[in-house]
Amino acid sequence: MKRSAKLAAALALLALPAAMAFAPVGPAAGADTAAAPAPAQAGQIVAMRRLTEAQYRNSIADIFGPDIRVSGRFEPIVRPVHEMIASGARRASISPTGLENFDAMARVIAAQVFDAQHRALFAPCAPADAKTADDRCAAQVLAPLGRYLFRRPLTLDEQAFYVRMAGAAAGKAGSFDKGLELALSAMLVSPNFLYVIERAEPDPANPGQLRLDNGTRATRLAMMLWNSAPNEALLKAAAEGRLTDQKQLEAAAAAMVSSPRFEQGLRAFFADMLLFEKFDELAKDPVVYPYFNQDVAQALPEQTLRTITDHLLTRNGDYRQLFTTSHTFMTRALGPVYQVPVHRAKGWEPYEFGPRDDRAGLIGQAGFLSLYSHSGRSSPTLRGRAIREVLMCQPVPNPPGNVNFTAVQDVHNKAMPTARIRLTAHNTDPVCAGCHKITDPVGLSLERFDGIGAWRASENDAPIDAGGMMDGVKFEGGAGLGKALSESPDTPICVASRALEYAVGKPPEDEALVERLVGDFAGSGYAIRALFLKVATMPETWRVTAPVLDNATHVSFAAPATMAGRTGR
């Protein structure tokens, strides 16, 4: 059977939006152990979220080891307007081409898992005959792997299906291990792996309402706090029903935010909140910016993440001071951009800006400044809009389609030498003035930094006026803007609401809940660990609304149906 035909059955389900509600599936689940498969999964499927590329890679590394290579192209998850990729994952489908890519990656991974170097780590038994099927041994190998990949025990039907698949393939290939390879690669393209499937059960404390079940809680905790699949401790806690007990949930979450692995989760959160996918498209004019190269482009997001984790985790700093901190890290490639000496030939070294550098926290870093600029010039409007939307969660309307940008783009006009003068001329149009009043007084304070974030005192030989204003507060330069952001009530509200959105996969609708969350955040001294611990343990995080189902959404969700015909080569 051709590969496209083999995957056709899986596409029928995978192409459905991940946010679609599904009917209850199967009777009550049985014992939740790796040794004994469970009956069909209980509970009502209330949401699905597609794994991000980082979650996929982290899961493979955690389950099989960091030396297992993941190679291939990931279909991007579309970011909804003014939302996080975590929200877009609830709506993400997989195209035929995307599934073909996942299939290719799965085969490469499975071949490595069962090669001579790794087989003994995952196969606790040997077949009676290495050239034929052995259902008993195949079950011993596949059931534990399936438990980690599906983030729950395989059901009776699932285990039987994958064992049959391994046996059929072993017979055709004349190799027991080749049969295991095919069965494992089938698991890796199953919706049960590629999607986080969230199930709900009746909430005994709130009759008529639903709460997420233990298995879903284990997965959500792992994805929220570690950006990976649940480990053995979480899977065991879920199997024993301990994660619906508030005290035990709090103990598990507290241990996770105290773990070194929380850094991986925090990095993923801020990469989502700060729109790091934009770095993939970052390009600068080499004539205008000769210091900008591929090494610089690759270092910029890492510099930002190192600054964030150093301040919030290593120093346990106040989140608001992330906009005023002078501490960061440098590489040899970044030295010319910042015009500072870097002593190490390779790797990162700590660096602290001085008071005259006018660089304040994240907004003073070349990553932010270059990301929100054009290829050959800076942009106060883009920078001001990013501060409003990304750091303060204040949406700014898009410009009309017929706006004339000629005056703003003419950077060589000696009559209008600076961006402030050019924008003043541009904003005489009343159609533009409304939005520019929101963005430009903020962004103009960063004009002493060019399109790659390098310092400059003048533009076209004219001195730069770096005065700024935000919400009625006047300030000077990047340091002044950083102080204004650190004192604004909107910055902690923004990160708190984003943390809640990141956890549940959709923007919060309960303003009172966000206010309570921000109050607790303030009470902790704006400590990021405390914020995520609160989000992870609030009862509201685990409550769900029963979906409204119609005939079109009553679909079966079973691995055997989605993978029919995969044994053909």
Protein backbone atom coordinates (compact mmCIF):
# COMPACT_ATOMS: atom_id res chain seq x y z
CA MET A 1 0.00 0.00 0.00
CA LYS A 2 1.34 3.48 -0.84
CA ARG A 3 2.22 5.73 2.06
CA SER A 4 -0.45 8.32 1.16
CA ALA A 5 -3.09 5.61 1.23
CA LYS A 6 -1.75 4.26 4.50
CA LEU A 7 -2.21 7.60 6.18
CA ALA A 8 -5.59 8.47 4.70
CA ALA A 9 -7.55 6.96 7.56
CA ALA A 10 -5.64 8.94 10.17
CA LEU A 11 -6.19 12.18 8.28
CA ALA A 12 -9.94 11.93 8.61
CA LEU A 13 -9.68 12.48 12.36
CA LEU A 14 -6.57 14.60 12.52
CA ALA A 15 -8.02 17.18 10.13
CA LEU A 16 -10.79 17.97 12.60
CA PRO A 17 -10.22 21.15 14.65
CA ALA A 18 -8.62 20.26 17.96
CA ALA A 19 -11.13 22.37 19.87
CA MET A 20 -14.08 20.27 18.66
CA ALA A 21 -16.01 18.53 21.43
CA PHE A 22 -16.34 14.76 21.42
CA ALA A 23 -18.89 12.36 22.86
CA PRO A 24 -18.13 10.27 25.95
CA VAL A 25 -16.02 7.26 25.05
CA GLY A 26 -16.34 3.79 26.58
CA PRO A 27 -17.14 2.43 30.02
CA ALA A 28 -15.26 3.16 33.23
CA ALA A 29 -11.47 2.71 33.13
CA GLY A 30 -9.82 -0.13 35.01
CA ALA A 31 -6.49 -0.41 36.78
CA ASP A 32 -4.11 2.34 35.67
CA THR A 33 -0.82 0.45 35.49
CA ALA A 34 1.79 -0.19 32.85
CA ALA A 35 1.62 -3.97 33.29
CA ALA A 36 -2.13 -4.29 32.91
CA PRO A 37 -3.84 -2.47 30.02
CA ALA A 38 -6.98 -0.53 30.84
CA PRO A 39 -10.43 -0.97 29.32
CA ALA A 40 -11.69 1.80 27.03
CA GLN A 41 -11.07 5.27 28.43
CA ALA A 42 -13.74 6.74 30.67
CA GLY A 43 -14.77 10.37 30.82
CA GLN A 44 -15.86 12.97 28.36
CA ILE A 45 -13.33 14.43 25.94
CA VAL A 46 -13.72 18.18 26.33
CA ALA A 47 -10.66 19.54 24.50
CA MET A 48 -7.66 18.59 22.40
CA ARG A 49 -4.40 20.47 21.98
CA ARG A 50 -1.81 19.64 19.38
CA LEU A 51 1.72 19.19 20.67
CA THR A 52 4.04 22.06 19.83
CA GLU A 53 7.39 21.30 18.24
CA ALA A 54 9.16 21.85 21.57
CA GLN A 55 6.73 19.57 23.40
CA TYR A 56 7.21 16.87 20.78
CA ARG A 57 10.99 17.09 20.95
CA ASN A 58 11.05 17.24 24.76
CA SER A 59 8.73 14.23 25.01
CA ILE A 60 10.91 12.14 22.71
CA ALA A 61 14.04 13.10 24.64
CA ASP A 62 12.45 12.37 28.02
CA ILE A 63 10.96 9.03 26.96
CA PHE A 64 13.76 7.64 24.80
CA GLY A 65 16.82 9.69 25.71
CA PRO A 66 18.44 12.89 24.45
CA ASP A 67 20.54 11.00 21.89
CA ILE A 68 17.49 9.97 19.86
CA ARG A 69 17.50 12.24 16.82
CA VAL A 70 14.31 14.04 15.76
CA SER A 71 14.64 15.29 12.20
CA GLY A 72 11.97 16.72 9.96
CA ARG A 73 9.75 19.71 9.35
CA PHE A 74 6.99 20.57 11.82
CA GLU A 75 3.79 22.12 10.58
CA PRO A 76 3.45 25.40 12.50
CA ILE A 77 0.56 26.07 14.85
CA VAL A 78 -1.16 29.31 13.90
CA ARG A 79 -1.24 31.95 16.62
CA PRO A 80 -4.72 33.48 17.03
CA VAL A 81 -4.78 37.28 17.00
CA HIS A 82 -3.78 38.68 20.42
CA GLU A 83 -3.58 35.17 21.87
CA MET A 84 -0.92 32.57 22.57
CA ILE A 85 0.15 29.59 20.52
CA ALA A 86 -1.10 27.56 23.49
CA SER A 87 -4.59 28.76 22.51
CA GLY A 88 -4.00 28.09 18.83
CA ALA A 89 -3.04 24.50 19.66
CA ARG A 90 -6.67 23.84 20.64
CA ARG A 91 -7.75 24.66 17.10
CA ALA A 92 -4.82 23.14 15.21
CA SER A 93 -5.38 20.40 12.68
CA ILE A 94 -2.75 18.46 10.75
CA SER A 95 -2.68 18.61 6.96
CA PRO A 96 -1.90 15.58 4.76
CA THR A 97 1.60 16.94 4.20
CA GLY A 98 2.03 17.57 7.91
CA LEU A 99 1.06 14.01 8.73
CA GLU A 100 3.44 12.68 6.08
CA ASN A 101 6.19 14.62 7.87
CA PHE A 102 5.18 13.21 11.24
CA ASP A 103 5.19 9.72 9.73
CA ALA A 104 8.72 10.18 8.38
CA MET A 105 9.94 11.44 11.75
CA ALA A 106 8.23 8.54 13.52
CA ARG A 107 9.99 5.95 11.37
CA VAL A 108 13.40 7.52 12.01
CA ILE A 109 12.76 7.64 15.76
CA ALA A 110 11.49 4.05 15.92
CA ALA A 111 14.48 2.76 13.96
CA GLN A 112 16.83 4.37 16.48
CA VAL A 113 14.92 3.08 19.51
CA PHE A 114 15.26 -0.52 18.35
CA ASP A 115 18.75 -0.34 16.86
CA ALA A 116 21.65 -2.31 18.34
CA GLN A 117 22.70 0.59 20.56
CA HIS A 118 19.31 1.22 22.20
CA ARG A 119 17.22 -1.94 21.95
CA ALA A 120 18.19 -3.35 25.34
CA LEU A 121 16.99 -0.17 27.05
CA PHE A 122 13.43 -0.61 25.82
CA ALA A 123 13.01 -4.34 25.22
CA PRO A 124 13.03 -6.28 28.53
CA CYS A 125 12.50 -9.60 26.74
CA ALA A 126 13.81 -11.57 23.78
CA PRO A 127 11.49 -13.26 21.26
CA ALA A 128 11.39 -17.03 20.94
CA ASP A 129 12.51 -16.52 17.34
CA ALA A 130 14.10 -13.24 16.25
CA LYS A 131 12.68 -13.71 12.72
CA THR A 132 9.00 -14.12 13.64
CA ALA A 133 6.24 -12.65 15.75
CA ASP A 134 6.10 -13.07 19.53
CA ASP A 135 2.96 -11.50 20.96
CA ARG A 136 3.98 -11.98 24.59
CA CYS A 137 7.30 -10.19 24.20
CA ALA A 138 5.82 -7.51 21.94
CA ALA A 139 3.26 -6.65 24.64
CA GLN A 140 6.03 -6.35 27.25
CA VAL A 141 7.84 -3.88 25.03
CA LEU A 142 4.97 -1.83 23.61
CA ALA A 143 2.72 -1.44 26.67
CA PRO A 144 5.22 0.59 28.76
CA LEU A 145 6.21 2.73 25.75
CA GLY A 146 2.57 3.34 24.91
CA ARG A 147 1.91 4.44 28.49
CA TYR A 148 4.52 7.18 28.22
CA LEU A 149 3.63 8.22 24.66
CA PHE A 150 -0.14 8.35 25.20
CA ARG A 151 0.40 9.74 28.71
CA ARG A 152 -1.87 7.00 30.12
CA PRO A 153 -2.04 3.18 29.98
CA LEU A 154 -2.99 1.64 26.65
CA THR A 155 -6.52 0.28 26.56
CA LEU A 156 -7.11 -3.43 26.00
CA ASP A 157 -8.06 -2.78 22.38
CA GLU A 158 -5.07 -0.51 21.77
CA GLN A 159 -2.57 -2.96 23.16
CA ALA A 160 -4.05 -5.81 21.14
CA PHE A 161 -3.98 -3.66 18.01
CA TYR A 162 -0.32 -2.64 18.28
CA VAL A 163 0.74 -6.19 19.17
CA ARG A 164 -1.08 -7.50 16.08
CA MET A 165 0.55 -4.83 13.97
CA ALA A 166 4.00 -5.77 15.26
CA GLY A 167 3.31 -9.43 14.58
CA ALA A 168 2.07 -8.86 11.05
CA ALA A 169 5.04 -6.67 10.19
CA ALA A 170 7.49 -9.12 11.76
CA GLY A 171 6.14 -11.88 9.54
CA LYS A 172 6.49 -9.81 6.38
CA ALA A 173 9.93 -8.42 7.23
CA GLY A 174 11.30 -11.62 8.78
CA SER A 175 12.37 -9.62 11.85
CA PHE A 176 10.76 -9.28 15.28
CA ASP A 177 12.50 -5.94 15.83
CA LYS A 178 11.21 -4.54 12.52
CA GLY A 179 7.73 -5.38 13.74
CA LEU A 180 8.34 -3.40 16.92
CA GLU A 181 9.63 -0.50 14.84
CA LEU A 182 6.46 -0.32 12.80
CA ALA A 183 4.20 -0.54 15.84
CA LEU A 184 6.14 2.19 17.65
CA SER A 185 6.10 4.47 14.61
CA ALA A 186 2.33 3.94 14.45
CA MET A 187 2.01 5.11 18.05
CA LEU A 188 4.03 8.19 17.18
CA VAL A 189 1.53 9.29 14.51
CA SER A 190 -1.52 8.42 16.59
CA PRO A 191 -3.70 11.36 17.67
CA ASN A 192 -3.26 9.99 21.19
CA PHE A 193 0.38 11.13 21.00
CA LEU A 194 0.20 14.13 18.68
CA TYR A 195 -2.66 15.69 20.65
CA VAL A 196 -3.09 16.28 24.35
CA ILE A 197 -6.58 14.89 24.88
CA GLU A 198 -8.36 16.35 27.90
CA ARG A 199 -11.09 14.35 29.63
CA ALA A 200 -13.55 15.46 32.29
CA GLU A 201 -15.55 13.73 34.97
CA PRO A 202 -18.38 14.86 37.29
CA ASP A 203 -17.17 17.17 40.05
CA PRO A 204 -18.39 15.77 43.39
CA ALA A 205 -17.84 19.12 45.11
CA ASN A 206 -19.98 20.97 42.54
CA PRO A 207 -22.95 18.87 41.41
CA GLY A 208 -23.81 19.37 37.76
CA GLN A 209 -20.29 20.58 36.90
CA LEU A 210 -17.27 18.82 35.44
CA ARG A 211 -13.64 18.73 36.46
CA LEU A 212 -10.60 17.45 34.57
CA ASP A 213 -9.69 13.90 35.54
CA ASN A 214 -6.44 12.66 37.04
CA GLY A 215 -4.82 11.66 33.78
CA THR A 216 -5.53 15.03 32.21
CA ARG A 217 -4.18 16.80 35.28
CA ALA A 218 -0.91 14.89 35.10
CA THR A 219 -0.45 15.86 31.46
CA ARG A 220 -1.49 19.47 31.92
CA LEU A 221 0.88 19.90 34.88
CA ALA A 222 3.75 18.44 32.87
CA MET A 223 3.07 20.54 29.78
CA MET A 224 2.44 23.72 31.76
CA LEU A 225 5.42 23.51 34.13
CA TRP A 226 7.96 21.38 32.24
CA ASN A 227 6.75 21.60 28.61
CA SER A 228 7.03 17.85 28.23
CA ALA A 229 5.22 14.56 28.83
CA PRO A 230 4.42 13.52 32.42
CA ASN A 231 7.10 11.50 34.16
CA GLU A 232 6.69 8.28 36.12
CA ALA A 233 5.78 10.09 39.36
CA LEU A 234 2.96 12.03 37.69
CA LEU A 235 1.64 8.98 35.84
CA LYS A 236 1.61 7.02 39.08
CA ALA A 237 -0.12 9.84 40.96
CA ALA A 238 -2.77 9.96 38.23
CA ALA A 239 -3.25 6.17 38.32
CA GLU A 240 -3.76 6.32 42.08
CA GLY A 241 -6.26 9.19 41.82
CA ARG A 242 -4.14 11.56 43.87
CA LEU A 243 -4.25 14.61 41.61
CA THR A 244 -7.91 15.36 42.29
CA ASP A 245 -7.03 15.75 45.97
CA GLN A 246 -6.23 19.42 46.53
CA LYS A 247 -3.42 18.91 49.02
CA GLN A 248 -1.70 16.27 46.92
CA LEU A 249 -2.13 18.38 43.79
CA GLU A 250 -0.47 21.30 45.58
CA ALA A 251 2.40 19.10 46.76
CA ALA A 252 3.01 17.77 43.26
CA ALA A 253 2.91 21.24 41.68
CA ALA A 254 5.18 22.72 44.38
CA ALA A 255 7.77 20.03 43.71
CA MET A 256 7.58 20.72 39.99
CA VAL A 257 8.07 24.51 40.19
CA SER A 258 11.01 23.91 42.57
CA SER A 259 12.61 21.46 40.14
CA PRO A 260 15.40 22.54 37.76
CA ARG A 261 13.10 21.35 34.95
CA PHE A 262 10.81 24.32 35.61
CA GLU A 263 13.32 26.44 33.70
CA GLN A 264 12.44 24.50 30.54
CA GLY A 265 8.76 25.19 31.12
CA LEU A 266 9.35 28.88 31.87
CA ARG A 267 11.39 29.28 28.71
CA ALA A 268 8.56 27.79 26.69
CA PHE A 269 6.02 30.12 28.30
CA PHE A 270 7.99 33.28 27.58
CA ALA A 271 8.88 32.13 24.06
CA ASP A 272 5.13 31.90 23.48
CA MET A 273 4.19 35.12 25.27
CA LEU A 274 6.95 37.14 23.56
CA LEU A 275 6.19 35.82 20.05
CA PHE A 276 9.55 34.15 19.53
CA GLU A 277 8.39 32.60 16.26
CA LYS A 278 9.11 36.03 14.77
CA PHE A 279 12.84 35.34 15.15
CA ASP A 280 12.53 32.71 12.42
CA GLU A 281 11.75 35.49 9.95
CA LEU A 282 14.18 38.10 11.26
CA ALA A 283 16.28 39.62 8.46
CA LYS A 284 18.34 42.79 8.25
CA ASP A 285 19.91 44.71 5.38
CA PRO A 286 23.62 43.75 5.48
CA VAL A 287 24.61 47.06 3.92
CA VAL A 288 22.88 49.08 6.62
CA TYR A 289 23.78 46.69 9.45
CA PRO A 290 27.09 44.94 8.70
CA TYR A 291 27.36 43.62 12.29
CA PHE A 292 24.17 41.61 11.96
CA ASN A 293 24.78 38.01 10.88
CA GLN A 294 23.45 34.50 11.46
CA ASP A 295 25.37 34.08 14.72
CA VAL A 296 23.81 37.26 16.06
CA ALA A 297 20.33 36.22 14.95
CA GLN A 298 20.67 32.86 16.73
CA ALA A 299 22.00 34.47 19.92
CA LEU A 300 19.24 37.07 20.34
CA PRO A 301 16.39 34.85 21.62
CA GLU A 302 18.77 32.92 23.86
CA GLN A 303 20.05 36.14 25.41
CA THR A 304 16.49 37.14 26.25
CA LEU A 305 15.66 33.74 27.76
CA ARG A 306 18.88 33.67 29.79
CA THR A 307 18.09 37.12 31.16
CA ILE A 308 14.56 36.03 32.08
CA THR A 309 15.52 32.79 33.80
CA ASP A 310 18.49 34.38 35.59
CA HIS A 311 16.34 37.17 37.00
CA LEU A 312 13.18 35.21 37.78
CA LEU A 313 14.62 31.84 38.82
CA THR A 314 18.29 32.17 39.81
CA ARG A 315 17.79 35.52 41.55
CA ASN A 316 14.12 34.89 42.41
CA GLY A 317 13.51 38.46 41.31
CA ASP A 318 10.40 40.60 41.16
CA TYR A 319 8.77 40.17 37.72
CA ARG A 320 8.34 43.95 37.37
CA GLN A 321 12.11 44.42 37.63
CA LEU A 322 12.53 42.38 34.46
CA PHE A 323 12.02 45.75 32.73
CA THR A 324 14.73 47.54 34.72
CA THR A 325 17.42 44.92 35.38
CA SER A 326 20.91 45.70 34.13
CA HIS A 327 22.03 42.05 34.21
CA THR A 328 22.27 40.01 31.03
CA PHE A 329 24.62 37.66 29.16
CA MET A 330 26.88 38.12 26.14
CA THR A 331 28.55 36.06 23.43
CA ARG A 332 31.42 37.02 21.18
CA ALA A 333 28.96 37.51 18.30
CA LEU A 334 26.86 40.00 20.29
CA GLY A 335 29.82 42.12 21.40
CA PRO A 336 29.98 44.31 18.26
CA VAL A 337 26.22 44.93 18.35
CA TYR A 338 26.36 46.19 21.93
CA GLN A 339 29.82 47.72 21.43
CA VAL A 340 31.17 45.94 24.51
CA PRO A 341 34.16 43.63 25.05
CA VAL A 342 33.45 39.90 25.37
CA HIS A 343 36.27 37.80 26.79
CA ARG A 344 35.13 34.27 26.02
CA ALA A 345 35.70 33.01 22.51
CA LYS A 346 32.79 30.57 22.86
CA GLY A 347 29.74 30.36 25.06
CA TRP A 348 28.04 32.92 27.28
CA GLU A 349 29.38 35.22 29.94
CA PRO A 350 27.51 37.46 32.43
CA TYR A 351 27.41 41.16 31.67
CA GLU A 352 26.01 44.18 33.50
CA PHE A 353 25.11 47.42 31.73
CA GLY A 354 26.10 50.70 33.29
CA PRO A 355 23.74 53.60 34.13
CA ARG A 356 24.80 55.52 31.01
CA ASP A 357 23.97 52.65 28.64
CA ASP A 358 20.23 53.47 28.82
CA ARG A 359 19.40 49.76 28.45
CA ALA A 360 16.62 48.61 30.73
CA GLY A 361 15.71 44.95 31.00
CA LEU A 362 14.07 43.17 28.09
CA ILE A 363 13.22 46.30 26.11
CA GLY A 364 16.86 47.37 26.05
CA GLN A 365 18.06 44.13 24.52
CA ALA A 366 18.89 43.76 20.85
CA GLY A 367 16.39 40.90 20.55
CA PHE A 368 13.38 43.11 21.27
CA LEU A 369 14.80 46.15 19.48
CA SER A 370 15.67 44.29 16.27
CA LEU A 371 12.53 42.16 16.23
CA TYR A 372 10.34 45.27 16.26
CA SER A 373 12.16 47.20 13.56
CA HIS A 374 12.23 47.04 9.79
CA SER A 375 15.01 45.43 7.76
CA GLY A 376 16.79 48.74 7.19
CA ARG A 377 15.49 51.12 9.86
CA SER A 378 14.11 51.33 13.36
CA SER A 379 10.41 51.70 14.05
CA PRO A 380 9.00 53.56 17.07
CA THR A 381 5.53 52.46 15.99
CA LEU A 382 6.36 48.74 15.91
CA ARG A 383 8.20 48.98 19.22
CA GLY A 384 5.43 50.94 20.88
CA ARG A 385 2.82 48.53 19.59
CA ALA A 386 4.79 45.53 20.84
CA ILE A 387 5.08 47.06 24.30
CA ARG A 388 1.34 47.70 24.37
CA GLU A 389 0.28 44.32 22.98
CA VAL A 390 2.96 41.89 24.10
CA LEU A 391 4.02 43.27 27.47
CA MET A 392 0.82 45.03 28.58
CA CYS A 393 -1.86 42.96 26.77
CA GLN A 394 -3.44 46.06 25.22
CA PRO A 395 -4.53 45.33 21.61
CA VAL A 396 -3.80 48.07 19.07
CA PRO A 397 -5.93 48.29 15.89
CA ASN A 398 -4.27 47.53 12.56
CA PRO A 399 -3.67 50.49 10.22
CA PRO A 400 -6.08 51.01 7.32
CA GLY A 401 -5.02 49.46 4.02
CA ASN A 402 -4.69 52.78 2.19
CA VAL A 403 -2.21 54.52 4.51
CA ASN A 404 0.62 56.42 2.80
CA PHE A 405 3.92 55.54 4.55
CA THR A 406 6.15 57.55 2.19
CA ALA A 407 7.15 60.18 4.75
CA VAL A 408 8.00 57.60 7.42
CA GLN A 409 10.04 55.41 5.10
CA ASP A 410 12.19 58.21 3.65
CA VAL A 411 15.04 57.90 6.17
CA HIS A 412 17.46 59.91 4.01
CA ASN A 413 15.30 63.06 3.85
CA LYS A 414 17.51 65.78 5.36
CA ALA A 415 14.46 67.97 5.89
CA MET A 416 13.02 65.29 8.22
CA PRO A 417 16.17 63.67 9.63
CA THR A 418 14.75 61.82 12.66
CA ALA A 419 11.94 59.33 13.12
CA ARG A 420 10.16 61.71 15.51
CA ILE A 421 9.97 64.42 12.84
CA ARG A 422 8.89 61.96 10.13
CA LEU A 423 6.17 60.50 12.32
CA THR A 424 4.92 63.97 13.22
CA ALA A 425 4.46 64.68 9.50
CA HIS A 426 2.84 61.27 8.96
CA ASN A 427 0.42 61.70 11.85
CA THR A 428 -1.17 64.84 10.45
CA ASP A 429 -3.53 62.36 8.76
CA PRO A 430 -6.44 62.00 11.23
CA VAL A 431 -6.96 58.39 10.10
CA CYS A 432 -3.52 57.51 11.49
CA ALA A 433 -3.31 59.81 14.48
CA GLY A 434 -5.51 57.79 16.86
CA CYS A 435 -3.40 54.63 16.89
CA HIS A 436 -0.09 56.45 16.69
CA LYS A 437 -0.93 58.35 19.86
CA ILE A 438 -1.02 54.98 21.62
CA THR A 439 2.21 53.61 20.19
CA ASP A 440 4.60 56.35 19.12
CA PRO A 441 5.11 58.25 22.41
CA VAL A 442 6.18 54.91 23.89
CA GLY A 443 8.38 53.72 21.03
CA LEU A 444 10.14 57.04 20.44
CA SER A 445 11.90 56.69 23.80
CA LEU A 446 13.87 53.79 22.24
CA GLU A 447 15.10 55.74 19.20
CA ARG A 448 18.64 55.90 20.52
CA PHE A 449 18.82 52.26 19.37
CA ASP A 450 18.89 51.50 15.66
CA GLY A 451 17.22 48.66 13.77
CA ILE A 452 19.45 45.98 15.33
CA GLY A 453 19.53 47.53 18.79
CA ALA A 454 22.93 49.22 18.50
CA TRP A 455 23.41 52.54 20.31
CA ARG A 456 23.34 55.80 18.38
CA ALA A 457 23.14 59.41 19.57
CA SER A 458 21.96 60.90 16.28
CA GLU A 459 20.20 60.10 13.03
CA ASN A 460 21.27 61.82 9.81
CA ASP A 461 23.56 63.98 11.99
CA ALA A 462 20.55 65.30 13.92
CA PRO A 463 20.42 64.66 17.68
CA ILE A 464 17.78 62.18 18.76
CA ASP A 465 15.10 63.29 21.21
CA ALA A 466 14.35 60.16 23.31
CA GLY A 467 11.58 61.69 25.38
CA GLY A 468 8.57 59.44 25.83
CA MET A 469 5.18 59.24 27.45
CA MET A 470 2.91 56.36 28.45
CA ASP A 471 -0.52 56.68 30.03
CA GLY A 472 0.21 60.24 31.09
CA VAL A 473 3.65 59.49 32.56
CA LYS A 474 6.57 61.28 30.91
CA PHE A 475 10.07 59.78 30.89
CA GLU A 476 13.38 59.85 29.06
CA GLY A 477 14.99 57.05 27.07
CA GLY A 478 14.96 53.31 27.46
CA ALA A 479 15.70 53.43 31.18
CA GLY A 480 12.75 55.75 31.72
CA LEU A 481 10.46 53.49 29.72
CA GLY A 482 11.66 50.46 31.69
CA LYS A 483 10.85 52.21 34.97
CA ALA A 484 7.41 53.19 33.67
CA LEU A 485 6.70 49.58 32.66
CA SER A 486 7.88 48.27 36.04
CA GLU A 487 5.47 50.65 37.78
CA SER A 488 2.51 50.04 35.48
CA PRO A 489 -0.26 47.81 36.91
CA ASP A 490 -0.80 46.40 33.42
CA THR A 491 2.47 44.45 33.19
CA PRO A 492 1.76 42.03 36.09
CA ILE A 493 -1.87 41.73 35.00
CA CYS A 494 -0.67 40.82 31.52
CA VAL A 495 1.75 38.10 32.57
CA ALA A 496 -0.75 36.64 35.04
CA SER A 497 -3.51 36.43 32.47
CA ARG A 498 -1.07 34.93 29.95
CA ALA A 499 0.03 32.31 32.48
CA LEU A 500 -3.60 31.30 32.98
CA GLU A 501 -4.19 31.21 29.22
CA TYR A 502 -1.05 29.13 28.77
CA ALA A 503 -2.29 26.60 31.32
CA VAL A 504 -5.85 26.12 30.08
CA GLY A 505 -5.33 26.80 26.37
CA LYS A 506 -7.67 29.75 26.01
CA PRO A 507 -7.79 33.39 27.18
CA PRO A 508 -9.43 33.82 30.60
CA GLU A 509 -12.94 35.21 30.55
CA ASP A 510 -13.39 35.69 34.31
CA GLU A 511 -11.95 39.11 35.19
CA ALA A 512 -12.52 38.53 38.89
CA LEU A 513 -10.44 35.36 38.72
CA VAL A 514 -7.57 37.25 37.05
CA GLU A 515 -7.80 39.97 39.70
CA ARG A 516 -7.51 37.38 42.47
CA LEU A 517 -4.57 35.79 40.69
CA VAL A 518 -2.82 39.16 40.38
CA GLY A 519 -3.47 39.84 44.06
CA ASP A 520 -1.76 36.58 45.02
CA PHE A 521 1.06 37.40 42.58
CA ALA A 522 1.58 40.76 44.30
CA GLY A 523 1.50 39.09 47.71
CA SER A 524 4.38 36.85 46.68
CA GLY A 525 6.52 39.84 45.70
CA TYR A 526 5.72 39.12 42.04
CA ALA A 527 7.67 35.85 42.13
CA ILE A 528 7.18 33.81 38.96
CA ARG A 529 7.30 30.44 40.73
CA ALA A 530 4.49 31.58 43.01
CA LEU A 531 2.43 32.72 40.02
CA PHE A 532 2.70 29.39 38.21
CA LEU A 533 2.12 27.43 41.40
CA LYS A 534 -1.09 29.38 41.98
CA VAL A 535 -2.26 28.85 38.40
CA ALA A 536 -1.50 25.12 38.67
CA THR A 537 -3.43 24.66 41.91
CA MET A 538 -6.47 26.94 41.62
CA PRO A 539 -9.66 24.84 41.50
CA GLU A 540 -10.84 27.04 38.64
CA THR A 541 -7.94 25.82 36.49
CA TRP A 542 -9.40 22.31 36.56
CA ARG A 543 -13.09 23.08 36.05
CA VAL A 544 -14.60 22.75 32.60
CA THR A 545 -17.87 23.50 30.92
CA ALA A 546 -19.63 20.52 29.36
CA PRO A 547 -19.48 20.88 25.55
CA VAL A 548 -22.63 21.11 23.49
CA LEU A 549 -22.62 18.07 21.21
CA ASP A 550 -24.52 17.48 18.02
CA ASN A 551 -24.66 14.49 15.70
CA ALA A 552 -21.69 15.73 13.69
CA THR A 553 -19.40 15.62 16.72
CA HIS A 554 -20.23 12.12 17.95
CA VAL A 555 -17.12 10.46 16.61
CA SER A 556 -15.13 7.49 17.79
CA PHE A 557 -11.55 8.03 18.91
CA ALA A 558 -9.68 4.74 18.63
CA ALA A 559 -6.16 4.03 17.43
CA PRO A 560 -7.04 0.91 15.43
CA ALA A 561 -9.47 2.83 13.23
CA THR A 562 -7.04 5.67 12.55
CA MET A 563 -4.13 3.41 11.64
CA ALA A 564 -5.86 0.87 9.43
CA GLY A 565 -3.59 -0.54 6.74
CA ARG A 566 -0.33 0.77 8.19
CA THR A 567 1.34 -2.66 8.08
CA GLY A 568 1.70 -2.37 4.30
CA ARG A 569 5.01 -1.20 2.97
